[in-house]
Amino acid sequence: MPEEVMTQKISVIIGLIRPGLRRTLRAHNITTLPDLITRAMEAEKDEEEETQASKAVTTNTAKQPSRSNLPRCWHCEGRHYNKDCPQAPKNKAEIGKRRTGRSRGSDFCQPHTSGAPQ
């Protein structure tokens, strides 16, 4: 294949590659298809490593809320979200009992204890 035709094909292929890789590949004088494939794979690997490194930095520097900024828990008065409370009740009946001091059923209709019929 003439060198000019190969150069045009390589140029077209580079144009179809992702923009980040395209910038890297255009900086090199690539004249053969195997060279293009090798450099593209290296550039892709480098880009992936940079992405992972930046994610690690972002994750490590993400600001965690301080304990004083967290709300007071309904269950234990600690400084954390209710859903994270180690003392949180497991079922709805227990929730009502903890808030009112009585079981949930006692909040509603009580049996009549007077001697008079209704």
C-alpha atoms as a PDB file:
ATOM      1  CA  MET A   1       0.000   0.000   0.000  1.00  0.00           C
ATOM      2  CA  PRO A   2       1.450   3.408  -0.849  1.00  0.00           C
ATOM      3  CA  GLU A   3       2.540   5.454   2.144  1.00  0.00           C
ATOM      4  CA  GLU A   4       0.239   8.360   1.246  1.00  0.00           C
ATOM      5  CA  VAL A   5      -2.866   6.137   1.276  1.00  0.00           C
ATOM      6  CA  MET A   6      -1.849   4.617   4.646  1.00  0.00           C
ATOM      7  CA  THR A   7      -1.300   8.097   6.095  1.00  0.00           C
ATOM      8  CA  GLN A   8      -4.815   9.118   4.975  1.00  0.00           C
ATOM      9  CA  LYS A   9      -6.346   5.983   6.505  1.00  0.00           C
ATOM     10  CA  ILE A  10      -4.512   6.578   9.787  1.00  0.00           C
ATOM     11  CA  SER A  11      -5.733  10.178   9.793  1.00  0.00           C
ATOM     12  CA  VAL A  12      -9.339   9.023   9.296  1.00  0.00           C
ATOM     13  CA  ILE A  13      -9.024   6.429  12.069  1.00  0.00           C
ATOM     14  CA  ILE A  14      -7.568   9.009  14.470  1.00  0.00           C
ATOM     15  CA  GLY A  15     -10.514  11.295  13.646  1.00  0.00           C
ATOM     16  CA  LEU A  16     -12.930   8.582  14.790  1.00  0.00           C
ATOM     17  CA  ILE A  17     -11.208   8.029  18.143  1.00  0.00           C
ATOM     18  CA  ARG A  18     -12.379   9.597  21.433  1.00  0.00           C
ATOM     19  CA  PRO A  19     -11.248  13.257  21.733  1.00  0.00           C
ATOM     20  CA  GLY A  20      -8.949  12.661  24.729  1.00  0.00           C
ATOM     21  CA  LEU A  21      -7.062   9.905  22.920  1.00  0.00           C
ATOM     22  CA  ARG A  22      -7.155  11.824  19.652  1.00  0.00           C
ATOM     23  CA  ARG A  23      -5.165  14.713  21.144  1.00  0.00           C
ATOM     24  CA  THR A  24      -2.499  12.331  22.384  1.00  0.00           C
ATOM     25  CA  LEU A  25      -2.238  10.418  19.097  1.00  0.00           C
ATOM     26  CA  ARG A  26      -2.066  13.527  16.926  1.00  0.00           C
ATOM     27  CA  ALA A  27       0.983  14.673  18.877  1.00  0.00           C
ATOM     28  CA  HIS A  28       2.922  11.676  17.481  1.00  0.00           C
ATOM     29  CA  ASN A  29       3.974  11.180  13.897  1.00  0.00           C
ATOM     30  CA  ILE A  30       2.228   7.839  13.329  1.00  0.00           C
ATOM     31  CA  THR A  31       2.805   6.247   9.928  1.00  0.00           C
ATOM     32  CA  THR A  32       1.856   2.601  10.373  1.00  0.00           C
ATOM     33  CA  LEU A  33      -1.280   0.862  11.557  1.00  0.00           C
ATOM     34  CA  PRO A  34       0.534  -1.291  14.197  1.00  0.00           C
ATOM     35  CA  ASP A  35       2.151   1.876  15.604  1.00  0.00           C
ATOM     36  CA  LEU A  36      -1.291   3.535  15.788  1.00  0.00           C
ATOM     37  CA  ILE A  37      -2.785   0.568  17.644  1.00  0.00           C
ATOM     38  CA  THR A  38       0.111   0.357  20.108  1.00  0.00           C
ATOM     39  CA  ARG A  39       0.094   4.099  20.885  1.00  0.00           C
ATOM     40  CA  ALA A  40      -3.707   4.177  21.170  1.00  0.00           C
ATOM     41  CA  MET A  41      -3.667   1.325  23.678  1.00  0.00           C
ATOM     42  CA  GLU A  42      -0.924   3.039  25.706  1.00  0.00           C
ATOM     43  CA  ALA A  43      -2.785   6.359  25.638  1.00  0.00           C
ATOM     44  CA  GLU A  44      -6.010   4.670  26.719  1.00  0.00           C
ATOM     45  CA  LYS A  45      -4.228   2.960  29.604  1.00  0.00           C
ATOM     46  CA  ASP A  46      -2.649   6.274  30.682  1.00  0.00           C
ATOM     47  CA  GLU A  47      -6.039   8.010  30.514  1.00  0.00           C
ATOM     48  CA  GLU A  48      -7.639   5.288  32.653  1.00  0.00           C
ATOM     49  CA  GLU A  49      -4.873   5.582  35.272  1.00  0.00           C
ATOM     50  CA  GLU A  50      -5.325   9.366  35.391  1.00  0.00           C
ATOM     51  CA  THR A  51      -9.083   8.951  35.834  1.00  0.00           C
ATOM     52  CA  GLN A  52      -8.640   6.471  38.681  1.00  0.00           C
ATOM     53  CA  ALA A  53      -6.052   8.705  40.368  1.00  0.00           C
ATOM     54  CA  SER A  54      -8.322  11.754  40.186  1.00  0.00           C
ATOM     55  CA  LYS A  55     -11.260   9.740  41.573  1.00  0.00           C
ATOM     56  CA  ALA A  56      -9.106   8.597  44.490  1.00  0.00           C
ATOM     57  CA  VAL A  57      -8.100  12.190  45.270  1.00  0.00           C
ATOM     58  CA  THR A  58     -11.712  13.374  45.012  1.00  0.00           C
ATOM     59  CA  THR A  59     -12.937  10.580  47.283  1.00  0.00           C
ATOM     60  CA  ASN A  60     -10.250  11.217  49.900  1.00  0.00           C
ATOM     61  CA  THR A  61     -10.811  14.967  49.957  1.00  0.00           C
ATOM     62  CA  ALA A  62     -14.622  14.848  49.927  1.00  0.00           C
ATOM     63  CA  LYS A  63     -15.828  16.788  52.926  1.00  0.00           C
ATOM     64  CA  GLN A  64     -17.534  14.637  55.512  1.00  0.00           C
ATOM     65  CA  PRO A  65     -20.124  16.383  57.691  1.00  0.00           C
ATOM     66  CA  SER A  66     -18.828  17.178  61.148  1.00  0.00           C
ATOM     67  CA  ARG A  67     -20.684  15.674  64.089  1.00  0.00           C
ATOM     68  CA  SER A  68     -21.888  19.105  65.228  1.00  0.00           C
ATOM     69  CA  ASN A  69     -23.550  19.696  61.831  1.00  0.00           C
ATOM     70  CA  LEU A  70     -25.512  16.454  61.990  1.00  0.00           C
ATOM     71  CA  PRO A  71     -29.108  16.527  63.265  1.00  0.00           C
ATOM     72  CA  ARG A  72     -30.159  15.173  66.625  1.00  0.00           C
ATOM     73  CA  CYS A  73     -31.505  11.641  66.445  1.00  0.00           C
ATOM     74  CA  TRP A  74     -35.139  11.057  67.470  1.00  0.00           C
ATOM     75  CA  HIS A  75     -34.249   7.759  69.049  1.00  0.00           C
ATOM     76  CA  CYS A  76     -31.243   8.480  71.259  1.00  0.00           C
ATOM     77  CA  GLU A  77     -30.541  12.236  71.006  1.00  0.00           C
ATOM     78  CA  GLY A  78     -27.118  11.490  69.485  1.00  0.00           C
ATOM     79  CA  ARG A  79     -25.699  13.470  66.577  1.00  0.00           C
ATOM     80  CA  HIS A  80     -26.434  11.304  63.522  1.00  0.00           C
ATOM     81  CA  TYR A  81     -29.262  10.615  61.082  1.00  0.00           C
ATOM     82  CA  ASN A  82     -32.199   8.620  62.432  1.00  0.00           C
ATOM     83  CA  LYS A  83     -31.593   5.886  59.863  1.00  0.00           C
ATOM     84  CA  ASP A  84     -28.039   5.403  61.216  1.00  0.00           C
ATOM     85  CA  CYS A  85     -29.062   5.076  64.881  1.00  0.00           C
ATOM     86  CA  PRO A  86     -27.825   1.918  66.593  1.00  0.00           C
ATOM     87  CA  GLN A  87     -30.776   2.168  69.013  1.00  0.00           C
ATOM     88  CA  ALA A  88     -33.448   2.656  66.328  1.00  0.00           C
ATOM     89  CA  PRO A  89     -36.521   0.465  66.753  1.00  0.00           C
ATOM     90  CA  LYS A  90     -36.985  -2.321  64.256  1.00  0.00           C
ATOM     91  CA  ASN A  91     -40.770  -2.158  63.737  1.00  0.00           C
ATOM     92  CA  LYS A  92     -43.578   0.429  63.756  1.00  0.00           C
ATOM     93  CA  ALA A  93     -45.114  -0.681  67.054  1.00  0.00           C
ATOM     94  CA  GLU A  94     -41.793  -0.168  68.758  1.00  0.00           C
ATOM     95  CA  ILE A  95     -41.475   3.319  67.212  1.00  0.00           C
ATOM     96  CA  GLY A  96     -44.802   4.431  68.695  1.00  0.00           C
ATOM     97  CA  LYS A  97     -43.921   3.002  72.092  1.00  0.00           C
ATOM     98  CA  ARG A  98     -40.583   4.755  72.174  1.00  0.00           C
ATOM     99  CA  ARG A  99     -42.058   8.174  71.268  1.00  0.00           C
ATOM    100  CA  THR A 100     -45.183   8.110  73.465  1.00  0.00           C
ATOM    101  CA  GLY A 101     -44.187   5.723  76.224  1.00  0.00           C
ATOM    102  CA  ARG A 102     -47.077   3.412  75.294  1.00  0.00           C
ATOM    103  CA  SER A 103     -47.627   0.830  72.641  1.00  0.00           C
ATOM    104  CA  ARG A 104     -49.137   1.950  69.363  1.00  0.00           C
ATOM    105  CA  GLY A 105     -52.387   0.086  70.011  1.00  0.00           C
ATOM    106  CA  SER A 106     -53.019   2.081  73.189  1.00  0.00           C
ATOM    107  CA  ASP A 107     -53.148   5.337  71.224  1.00  0.00           C
ATOM    108  CA  PHE A 108     -56.484   4.360  69.734  1.00  0.00           C
ATOM    109  CA  CYS A 109     -59.758   2.777  70.861  1.00  0.00           C
ATOM    110  CA  GLN A 110     -59.641   1.451  74.393  1.00  0.00           C
ATOM    111  CA  PRO A 111     -62.181  -1.100  75.595  1.00  0.00           C
ATOM    112  CA  HIS A 112     -64.970   0.460  77.586  1.00  0.00           C
ATOM    113  CA  THR A 113     -64.720  -0.454  81.257  1.00  0.00           C
ATOM    114  CA  SER A 114     -67.827   1.247  82.628  1.00  0.00           C
ATOM    115  CA  GLY A 115     -70.592  -1.009  83.863  1.00  0.00           C
ATOM    116  CA  ALA A 116     -73.287   0.730  81.797  1.00  0.00           C
ATOM    117  CA  PRO A 117     -74.271  -0.959  78.542  1.00  0.00           C
ATOM    118  CA  GLN A 118     -74.032   1.092  75.412  1.00  0.00           C
END
